[in-house]
């Protein structure tokens, strides 16, 4: 029995994943006002998006894919016996519900799993499912690998300001870190699909040190890492150097997640 994977555009992709015939990516959209709609990671480069984000007065909004977009992806994978769908956390988006609605319309075996994560975290979960597929695993084994990775993955990220998370309504329990003190730089994490506070730091140096302190034991244990950023390559390079990782996999976060985290955000997931 062969299994294919469908995921959404908020999943960071390891090199080569997009080209696989057994993977489909269903994009979310973001909007600058009522008349400008863009497909995540397709219609605008990340550099163009972040430049635009800094200049606009209107905060961008994001939209989940319609059920029809998922159904199209399921139908395109007709050569495979089963489909496993991995979506962004349902606490952050309605994408999971769209995927489930499409699965109910599909005339084939489709199972939908909430990764309870996003971007780098979802990327590592996806990598684990593909590893099991490549080893010849069936749908039960592939889903089991995904669910195990969901339980084990850690996501830490830093933002220059909580303004974007607050405006987008995705701030969750991290709301208590919001403050007006000079140069407050929060470190956040994703726990059970929700953005929660990890540490409130002052200044970039302390922010970097807080992430390094939390992630360093995982480096020593030889665990897998995936890094991401929103127009913050320099800060991310410092973090990678501090952790001593020689060949890091780094992704630029797309417009959907980037509009919530804001320019200057960077982070790491490890499994």
C-alpha atoms as a PDB file:
ATOM      1  CA  UNK A   1       0.000   0.000   0.000  1.00  0.00           C
ATOM      2  CA  UNK A   2       1.400   3.378  -0.986  1.00  0.00           C
ATOM      3  CA  UNK A   3       0.888   6.616   0.928  1.00  0.00           C
ATOM      4  CA  UNK A   4       1.125  10.240  -0.233  1.00  0.00           C
ATOM      5  CA  UNK A   5       1.321  13.396   1.863  1.00  0.00           C
ATOM      6  CA  UNK A   6      -0.591  16.651   1.572  1.00  0.00           C
ATOM      7  CA  UNK A   7       0.410  19.622   3.689  1.00  0.00           C
ATOM      8  CA  UNK A   8      -0.161  23.369   3.619  1.00  0.00           C
ATOM      9  CA  UNK A   9       2.145  26.240   2.782  1.00  0.00           C
ATOM     10  CA  UNK A  10       2.939  27.041   6.410  1.00  0.00           C
ATOM     11  CA  UNK A  11       5.104  23.900   6.552  1.00  0.00           C
ATOM     12  CA  UNK A  12       8.808  24.578   6.043  1.00  0.00           C
ATOM     13  CA  UNK A  13      10.156  22.231   3.400  1.00  0.00           C
ATOM     14  CA  UNK A  14      13.439  20.370   3.518  1.00  0.00           C
ATOM     15  CA  UNK A  15      15.470  20.468   0.258  1.00  0.00           C
ATOM     16  CA  UNK A  16      13.918  18.311  -2.455  1.00  0.00           C
ATOM     17  CA  UNK A  17      10.515  17.851  -0.816  1.00  0.00           C
ATOM     18  CA  UNK A  18       8.571  20.102  -3.187  1.00  0.00           C
ATOM     19  CA  UNK A  19       9.764  18.038  -6.165  1.00  0.00           C
ATOM     20  CA  UNK A  20       8.518  14.716  -4.789  1.00  0.00           C
ATOM     21  CA  UNK A  21       5.595  13.182  -6.729  1.00  0.00           C
ATOM     22  CA  UNK A  22       4.031  11.903  -3.485  1.00  0.00           C
ATOM     23  CA  UNK A  23       3.757  15.360  -1.859  1.00  0.00           C
ATOM     24  CA  UNK A  24       1.310  18.197  -2.547  1.00  0.00           C
ATOM     25  CA  UNK A  25       1.362  21.660  -0.963  1.00  0.00           C
ATOM     26  CA  UNK A  26      -1.939  23.514  -0.535  1.00  0.00           C
ATOM     27  CA  UNK A  27      -1.315  27.258  -0.140  1.00  0.00           C
ATOM     28  CA  UNK A  28      -2.914  29.696   2.233  1.00  0.00           C
ATOM     29  CA  UNK A  29      -3.388  33.293   1.114  1.00  0.00           C
ATOM     30  CA  UNK A  30      -2.634  36.695   2.589  1.00  0.00           C
ATOM     31  CA  UNK A  31      -4.239  40.028   1.801  1.00  0.00           C
ATOM     32  CA  UNK A  32      -3.089  43.651   1.865  1.00  0.00           C
ATOM     33  CA  UNK A  33      -6.505  45.277   2.033  1.00  0.00           C
ATOM     34  CA  UNK A  34      -9.694  44.012   0.341  1.00  0.00           C
ATOM     35  CA  UNK A  35      -8.370  44.150  -3.224  1.00  0.00           C
ATOM     36  CA  UNK A  36      -4.924  42.572  -2.958  1.00  0.00           C
ATOM     37  CA  UNK A  37      -4.713  38.805  -2.487  1.00  0.00           C
ATOM     38  CA  UNK A  38      -1.495  36.790  -2.725  1.00  0.00           C
ATOM     39  CA  UNK A  39      -0.789  33.073  -2.607  1.00  0.00           C
ATOM     40  CA  UNK A  40       1.610  32.194   0.214  1.00  0.00           C
ATOM     41  CA  UNK A  41       5.157  31.471  -0.991  1.00  0.00           C
ATOM     42  CA  UNK A  42       4.061  31.724  -4.648  1.00  0.00           C
ATOM     43  CA  UNK A  43       2.949  35.198  -5.747  1.00  0.00           C
ATOM     44  CA  UNK A  44       5.509  37.269  -3.869  1.00  0.00           C
ATOM     45  CA  UNK A  45       9.076  36.538  -2.785  1.00  0.00           C
ATOM     46  CA  UNK A  46       9.746  36.614   0.928  1.00  0.00           C
ATOM     47  CA  UNK A  47      11.970  39.661   0.446  1.00  0.00           C
ATOM     48  CA  UNK A  48       9.207  41.527  -1.384  1.00  0.00           C
ATOM     49  CA  UNK A  49       6.687  40.565   1.267  1.00  0.00           C
ATOM     50  CA  UNK A  50       8.784  41.781   4.200  1.00  0.00           C
ATOM     51  CA  UNK A  51       9.612  45.054   2.444  1.00  0.00           C
ATOM     52  CA  UNK A  52       5.908  45.576   1.860  1.00  0.00           C
ATOM     53  CA  UNK A  53       5.022  44.627   5.442  1.00  0.00           C
ATOM     54  CA  UNK A  54       7.285  47.353   6.819  1.00  0.00           C
ATOM     55  CA  UNK A  55       5.762  50.048   4.628  1.00  0.00           C
ATOM     56  CA  UNK A  56       2.010  49.442   4.766  1.00  0.00           C
ATOM     57  CA  UNK A  57      -0.383  51.038   7.212  1.00  0.00           C
ATOM     58  CA  UNK A  58      -2.972  48.263   6.847  1.00  0.00           C
ATOM     59  CA  UNK A  59      -2.107  45.079   8.703  1.00  0.00           C
ATOM     60  CA  UNK A  60      -2.256  42.081   6.318  1.00  0.00           C
ATOM     61  CA  UNK A  61      -4.847  39.393   6.911  1.00  0.00           C
ATOM     62  CA  UNK A  62      -4.558  35.697   6.102  1.00  0.00           C
ATOM     63  CA  UNK A  63      -7.013  33.079   4.852  1.00  0.00           C
ATOM     64  CA  UNK A  64      -7.121  29.305   5.085  1.00  0.00           C
ATOM     65  CA  UNK A  65      -7.376  27.338   1.829  1.00  0.00           C
ATOM     66  CA  UNK A  66     -10.902  26.443   0.717  1.00  0.00           C
ATOM     67  CA  UNK A  67     -11.916  22.789   0.972  1.00  0.00           C
ATOM     68  CA  UNK A  68     -11.870  22.636  -2.821  1.00  0.00           C
ATOM     69  CA  UNK A  69      -8.129  23.311  -2.909  1.00  0.00           C
ATOM     70  CA  UNK A  70      -7.507  20.312  -0.656  1.00  0.00           C
ATOM     71  CA  UNK A  71      -9.896  18.151  -2.682  1.00  0.00           C
ATOM     72  CA  UNK A  72      -7.951  19.061  -5.819  1.00  0.00           C
ATOM     73  CA  UNK A  73      -4.724  17.955  -4.151  1.00  0.00           C
ATOM     74  CA  UNK A  74      -6.284  14.657  -3.056  1.00  0.00           C
ATOM     75  CA  UNK A  75      -7.512  13.963  -6.579  1.00  0.00           C
ATOM     76  CA  UNK A  76      -4.087  14.736  -8.051  1.00  0.00           C
ATOM     77  CA  UNK A  77      -2.631  11.887  -5.986  1.00  0.00           C
ATOM     78  CA  UNK A  78      -4.787   9.194  -7.537  1.00  0.00           C
ATOM     79  CA  UNK A  79      -1.791   6.918  -8.094  1.00  0.00           C
ATOM     80  CA  UNK A  80      -1.466   6.379  -4.321  1.00  0.00           C
ATOM     81  CA  UNK A  81      -3.606   4.136  -2.126  1.00  0.00           C
ATOM     82  CA  UNK A  82      -3.813   6.443   0.901  1.00  0.00           C
ATOM     83  CA  UNK A  83      -3.301  10.108   1.757  1.00  0.00           C
ATOM     84  CA  UNK A  84      -2.141  11.583   5.054  1.00  0.00           C
ATOM     85  CA  UNK A  85      -2.721  15.312   5.489  1.00  0.00           C
ATOM     86  CA  UNK A  86      -0.569  17.380   7.856  1.00  0.00           C
ATOM     87  CA  UNK A  87      -1.923  20.837   8.669  1.00  0.00           C
ATOM     88  CA  UNK A  88      -0.874  23.872  10.648  1.00  0.00           C
ATOM     89  CA  UNK A  89      -2.201  23.940  14.220  1.00  0.00           C
ATOM     90  CA  UNK A  90      -5.980  24.335  14.316  1.00  0.00           C
ATOM     91  CA  UNK A  91      -5.462  26.835  17.169  1.00  0.00           C
ATOM     92  CA  UNK A  92      -3.689  29.110  14.687  1.00  0.00           C
ATOM     93  CA  UNK A  93      -5.774  28.596  11.538  1.00  0.00           C
ATOM     94  CA  UNK A  94      -8.932  27.031  10.154  1.00  0.00           C
ATOM     95  CA  UNK A  95      -6.848  25.072   7.626  1.00  0.00           C
ATOM     96  CA  UNK A  96      -7.415  21.780   9.460  1.00  0.00           C
ATOM     97  CA  UNK A  97     -11.190  22.183   9.129  1.00  0.00           C
ATOM     98  CA  UNK A  98     -10.878  22.796   5.377  1.00  0.00           C
ATOM     99  CA  UNK A  99      -8.756  19.673   5.002  1.00  0.00           C
ATOM    100  CA  UNK A 100     -11.292  17.594   6.957  1.00  0.00           C
ATOM    101  CA  UNK A 101     -14.212  18.929   4.905  1.00  0.00           C
ATOM    102  CA  UNK A 102     -12.391  17.951   1.725  1.00  0.00           C
ATOM    103  CA  UNK A 103     -11.583  14.502   3.125  1.00  0.00           C
ATOM    104  CA  UNK A 104     -15.289  13.920   3.738  1.00  0.00           C
ATOM    105  CA  UNK A 105     -15.980  14.728   0.077  1.00  0.00           C
ATOM    106  CA  UNK A 106     -13.164  12.581  -1.298  1.00  0.00           C
ATOM    107  CA  UNK A 107     -14.000   9.153  -2.635  1.00  0.00           C
ATOM    108  CA  UNK A 108     -10.860   7.600  -1.214  1.00  0.00           C
ATOM    109  CA  UNK A 109      -8.875   7.064   1.981  1.00  0.00           C
ATOM    110  CA  UNK A 110      -7.760  10.423   3.422  1.00  0.00           C
ATOM    111  CA  UNK A 111      -6.695  10.970   7.035  1.00  0.00           C
ATOM    112  CA  UNK A 112      -6.072  14.457   8.449  1.00  0.00           C
ATOM    113  CA  UNK A 113      -3.660  15.187  11.295  1.00  0.00           C
ATOM    114  CA  UNK A 114      -3.218  18.491  13.140  1.00  0.00           C
ATOM    115  CA  UNK A 115       0.548  18.985  13.589  1.00  0.00           C
ATOM    116  CA  UNK A 116      -0.135  21.374  16.506  1.00  0.00           C
ATOM    117  CA  UNK A 117       2.764  23.358  15.084  1.00  0.00           C
ATOM    118  CA  UNK A 118       3.798  25.525  12.114  1.00  0.00           C
ATOM    119  CA  UNK A 119       6.699  26.220   9.756  1.00  0.00           C
ATOM    120  CA  UNK A 120       9.922  24.650  11.173  1.00  0.00           C
ATOM    121  CA  UNK A 121       8.060  22.359  13.584  1.00  0.00           C
ATOM    122  CA  UNK A 122       5.699  21.115  10.884  1.00  0.00           C
ATOM    123  CA  UNK A 123       8.686  20.742   8.564  1.00  0.00           C
ATOM    124  CA  UNK A 124      10.386  18.289  10.920  1.00  0.00           C
ATOM    125  CA  UNK A 125       7.134  16.365  11.374  1.00  0.00           C
ATOM    126  CA  UNK A 126       6.778  16.129   7.604  1.00  0.00           C
ATOM    127  CA  UNK A 127      10.353  14.889   7.292  1.00  0.00           C
ATOM    128  CA  UNK A 128       9.624  12.051   9.728  1.00  0.00           C
ATOM    129  CA  UNK A 129       6.563  10.924   7.780  1.00  0.00           C
ATOM    130  CA  UNK A 130       8.500  10.936   4.515  1.00  0.00           C
ATOM    131  CA  UNK A 131      11.281   8.898   6.089  1.00  0.00           C
ATOM    132  CA  UNK A 132       8.793   6.163   6.979  1.00  0.00           C
ATOM    133  CA  UNK A 133       7.256   6.295   3.503  1.00  0.00           C
ATOM    134  CA  UNK A 134      10.713   5.884   1.970  1.00  0.00           C
ATOM    135  CA  UNK A 135      11.301   2.882   4.228  1.00  0.00           C
ATOM    136  CA  UNK A 136       8.158   1.248   2.812  1.00  0.00           C
ATOM    137  CA  UNK A 137       5.796   1.988   5.706  1.00  0.00           C
ATOM    138  CA  UNK A 138       2.042   1.781   5.249  1.00  0.00           C
ATOM    139  CA  UNK A 139      -0.509   4.431   6.291  1.00  0.00           C
ATOM    140  CA  UNK A 140      -0.706   3.160   9.883  1.00  0.00           C
ATOM    141  CA  UNK A 141       3.082   3.359  10.289  1.00  0.00           C
ATOM    142  CA  UNK A 142       3.314   6.727   8.560  1.00  0.00           C
ATOM    143  CA  UNK A 143       0.594   8.222  10.775  1.00  0.00           C
ATOM    144  CA  UNK A 144       2.219   6.731  13.873  1.00  0.00           C
ATOM    145  CA  UNK A 145       5.518   8.405  12.921  1.00  0.00           C
ATOM    146  CA  UNK A 146       3.758  11.734  12.428  1.00  0.00           C
ATOM    147  CA  UNK A 147       1.992  11.546  15.785  1.00  0.00           C
ATOM    148  CA  UNK A 148       5.218  10.574  17.557  1.00  0.00           C
ATOM    149  CA  UNK A 149       7.013  13.540  15.990  1.00  0.00           C
ATOM    150  CA  UNK A 150       4.165  15.864  16.993  1.00  0.00           C
ATOM    151  CA  UNK A 151       4.620  14.822  20.626  1.00  0.00           C
ATOM    152  CA  UNK A 152       8.410  15.266  20.527  1.00  0.00           C
ATOM    153  CA  UNK A 153       9.002  18.375  18.443  1.00  0.00           C
ATOM    154  CA  UNK A 154      10.127  21.609  20.095  1.00  0.00           C
ATOM    155  CA  UNK A 155       9.737  25.058  18.548  1.00  0.00           C
ATOM    156  CA  UNK A 156      11.401  28.169  19.980  1.00  0.00           C
ATOM    157  CA  UNK A 157      11.224  31.543  18.296  1.00  0.00           C
ATOM    158  CA  UNK A 158      12.101  35.118  19.044  1.00  0.00           C
ATOM    159  CA  UNK A 159      10.359  38.269  17.930  1.00  0.00           C
ATOM    160  CA  UNK A 160      11.514  41.864  17.871  1.00  0.00           C
ATOM    161  CA  UNK A 161       8.059  42.916  19.047  1.00  0.00           C
ATOM    162  CA  UNK A 162       4.783  41.241  20.004  1.00  0.00           C
ATOM    163  CA  UNK A 163       2.909  43.829  17.940  1.00  0.00           C
ATOM    164  CA  UNK A 164       2.270  41.545  14.969  1.00  0.00           C
ATOM    165  CA  UNK A 165       1.151  38.551  17.028  1.00  0.00           C
ATOM    166  CA  UNK A 166      -1.132  40.812  19.021  1.00  0.00           C
ATOM    167  CA  UNK A 167      -2.693  42.425  15.926  1.00  0.00           C
ATOM    168  CA  UNK A 168      -3.262  39.050  14.294  1.00  0.00           C
ATOM    169  CA  UNK A 169      -4.857  37.558  17.400  1.00  0.00           C
ATOM    170  CA  UNK A 170      -2.328  34.677  17.471  1.00  0.00           C
ATOM    171  CA  UNK A 171      -0.580  35.793  20.635  1.00  0.00           C
ATOM    172  CA  UNK A 172      -2.253  33.195  22.894  1.00  0.00           C
ATOM    173  CA  UNK A 173      -0.909  33.022  26.431  1.00  0.00           C
ATOM    174  CA  UNK A 174       2.121  35.084  25.370  1.00  0.00           C
ATOM    175  CA  UNK A 175      -0.064  38.161  25.871  1.00  0.00           C
ATOM    176  CA  UNK A 176       1.308  38.466  29.387  1.00  0.00           C
ATOM    177  CA  UNK A 177       4.779  39.221  27.982  1.00  0.00           C
ATOM    178  CA  UNK A 178       3.528  42.314  26.207  1.00  0.00           C
ATOM    179  CA  UNK A 179       4.976  45.466  27.624  1.00  0.00           C
ATOM    180  CA  UNK A 180       6.245  48.893  26.749  1.00  0.00           C
ATOM    181  CA  UNK A 181       9.639  48.620  28.446  1.00  0.00           C
ATOM    182  CA  UNK A 182      12.590  49.545  26.269  1.00  0.00           C
ATOM    183  CA  UNK A 183      13.914  46.779  23.991  1.00  0.00           C
ATOM    184  CA  UNK A 184      11.890  43.922  25.449  1.00  0.00           C
ATOM    185  CA  UNK A 185      12.550  40.910  23.200  1.00  0.00           C
ATOM    186  CA  UNK A 186      10.371  37.936  24.082  1.00  0.00           C
ATOM    187  CA  UNK A 187      11.251  34.306  23.439  1.00  0.00           C
ATOM    188  CA  UNK A 188       8.183  32.225  22.660  1.00  0.00           C
ATOM    189  CA  UNK A 189       7.449  28.584  21.990  1.00  0.00           C
ATOM    190  CA  UNK A 190       4.652  26.529  20.536  1.00  0.00           C
ATOM    191  CA  UNK A 191       3.058  24.147  23.012  1.00  0.00           C
ATOM    192  CA  UNK A 192       0.098  21.985  22.010  1.00  0.00           C
ATOM    193  CA  UNK A 193      -0.517  24.185  18.995  1.00  0.00           C
ATOM    194  CA  UNK A 194      -0.541  27.501  20.846  1.00  0.00           C
ATOM    195  CA  UNK A 195       1.984  30.323  21.170  1.00  0.00           C
ATOM    196  CA  UNK A 196       3.085  30.475  24.801  1.00  0.00           C
ATOM    197  CA  UNK A 197       5.726  32.510  26.641  1.00  0.00           C
ATOM    198  CA  UNK A 198       9.152  31.044  27.303  1.00  0.00           C
ATOM    199  CA  UNK A 199      11.164  33.994  28.555  1.00  0.00           C
ATOM    200  CA  UNK A 200      11.018  37.766  28.552  1.00  0.00           C
ATOM    201  CA  UNK A 201      14.443  39.160  27.754  1.00  0.00           C
ATOM    202  CA  UNK A 202      15.900  42.593  27.172  1.00  0.00           C
ATOM    203  CA  UNK A 203      18.112  43.109  24.117  1.00  0.00           C
ATOM    204  CA  UNK A 204      19.203  40.809  21.318  1.00  0.00           C
ATOM    205  CA  UNK A 205      22.174  39.302  23.199  1.00  0.00           C
ATOM    206  CA  UNK A 206      20.029  38.011  26.051  1.00  0.00           C
ATOM    207  CA  UNK A 207      17.350  36.839  23.650  1.00  0.00           C
ATOM    208  CA  UNK A 208      19.895  34.779  21.721  1.00  0.00           C
ATOM    209  CA  UNK A 209      21.348  33.423  24.954  1.00  0.00           C
ATOM    210  CA  UNK A 210      17.927  32.285  26.159  1.00  0.00           C
ATOM    211  CA  UNK A 211      17.326  30.242  22.995  1.00  0.00           C
ATOM    212  CA  UNK A 212      20.849  28.847  23.052  1.00  0.00           C
ATOM    213  CA  UNK A 213      20.475  27.747  26.668  1.00  0.00           C
ATOM    214  CA  UNK A 214      17.233  25.902  25.907  1.00  0.00           C
ATOM    215  CA  UNK A 215      18.386  24.272  22.658  1.00  0.00           C
ATOM    216  CA  UNK A 216      21.991  23.383  23.533  1.00  0.00           C
ATOM    217  CA  UNK A 217      21.185  20.018  25.221  1.00  0.00           C
ATOM    218  CA  UNK A 218      19.414  18.921  22.025  1.00  0.00           C
ATOM    219  CA  UNK A 219      22.577  19.690  20.035  1.00  0.00           C
ATOM    220  CA  UNK A 220      24.624  17.567  22.429  1.00  0.00           C
ATOM    221  CA  UNK A 221      22.108  14.733  21.987  1.00  0.00           C
ATOM    222  CA  UNK A 222      22.519  14.899  18.203  1.00  0.00           C
ATOM    223  CA  UNK A 223      18.902  15.766  17.492  1.00  0.00           C
ATOM    224  CA  UNK A 224      17.675  17.153  14.149  1.00  0.00           C
ATOM    225  CA  UNK A 225      17.305  20.918  13.727  1.00  0.00           C
ATOM    226  CA  UNK A 226      15.490  23.212  11.313  1.00  0.00           C
ATOM    227  CA  UNK A 227      15.916  26.995  11.458  1.00  0.00           C
ATOM    228  CA  UNK A 228      13.688  29.761  10.121  1.00  0.00           C
ATOM    229  CA  UNK A 229      13.519  33.537  10.084  1.00  0.00           C
ATOM    230  CA  UNK A 230      11.591  36.592   8.941  1.00  0.00           C
ATOM    231  CA  UNK A 231      14.142  39.009   7.492  1.00  0.00           C
ATOM    232  CA  UNK A 232      16.533  38.183  10.352  1.00  0.00           C
ATOM    233  CA  UNK A 233      19.384  36.237   8.766  1.00  0.00           C
ATOM    234  CA  UNK A 234      22.074  37.983  10.824  1.00  0.00           C
ATOM    235  CA  UNK A 235      20.504  37.137  14.199  1.00  0.00           C
ATOM    236  CA  UNK A 236      19.844  33.585  13.049  1.00  0.00           C
ATOM    237  CA  UNK A 237      23.476  33.189  11.941  1.00  0.00           C
ATOM    238  CA  UNK A 238      24.562  34.198  15.426  1.00  0.00           C
ATOM    239  CA  UNK A 239      22.269  31.591  16.964  1.00  0.00           C
ATOM    240  CA  UNK A 240      23.518  28.862  14.637  1.00  0.00           C
ATOM    241  CA  UNK A 241      27.120  29.742  15.427  1.00  0.00           C
ATOM    242  CA  UNK A 242      26.418  29.745  19.175  1.00  0.00           C
ATOM    243  CA  UNK A 243      24.847  26.286  18.915  1.00  0.00           C
ATOM    244  CA  UNK A 244      27.810  25.025  16.884  1.00  0.00           C
ATOM    245  CA  UNK A 245      25.796  23.540  14.013  1.00  0.00           C
ATOM    246  CA  UNK A 246      27.985  23.221  10.919  1.00  0.00           C
ATOM    247  CA  UNK A 247      25.483  22.493   8.130  1.00  0.00           C
ATOM    248  CA  UNK A 248      22.166  24.008   9.210  1.00  0.00           C
ATOM    249  CA  UNK A 249      18.981  23.757   7.184  1.00  0.00           C
ATOM    250  CA  UNK A 250      17.501  27.271   7.062  1.00  0.00           C
ATOM    251  CA  UNK A 251      14.168  28.434   5.666  1.00  0.00           C
ATOM    252  CA  UNK A 252      12.673  31.877   5.176  1.00  0.00           C
ATOM    253  CA  UNK A 253       9.178  31.962   6.618  1.00  0.00           C
ATOM    254  CA  UNK A 254       6.412  32.800   4.155  1.00  0.00           C
ATOM    255  CA  UNK A 255       3.961  35.665   4.173  1.00  0.00           C
ATOM    256  CA  UNK A 256       1.259  33.933   6.216  1.00  0.00           C
ATOM    257  CA  UNK A 257       3.436  33.129   9.223  1.00  0.00           C
ATOM    258  CA  UNK A 258       5.626  36.176   8.621  1.00  0.00           C
ATOM    259  CA  UNK A 259       2.670  38.537   8.897  1.00  0.00           C
ATOM    260  CA  UNK A 260       1.971  37.166  12.386  1.00  0.00           C
ATOM    261  CA  UNK A 261       5.561  36.968  13.672  1.00  0.00           C
ATOM    262  CA  UNK A 262       6.721  40.216  12.069  1.00  0.00           C
ATOM    263  CA  UNK A 263      10.093  41.274  10.600  1.00  0.00           C
ATOM    264  CA  UNK A 264      13.044  40.347  12.788  1.00  0.00           C
ATOM    265  CA  UNK A 265      11.593  37.046  14.006  1.00  0.00           C
ATOM    266  CA  UNK A 266      13.813  33.974  13.979  1.00  0.00           C
ATOM    267  CA  UNK A 267      13.708  30.571  15.555  1.00  0.00           C
ATOM    268  CA  UNK A 268      14.506  26.904  15.643  1.00  0.00           C
ATOM    269  CA  UNK A 269      12.716  23.582  15.795  1.00  0.00           C
ATOM    270  CA  UNK A 270      14.317  20.351  16.930  1.00  0.00           C
ATOM    271  CA  UNK A 271      13.216  16.775  17.137  1.00  0.00           C
END
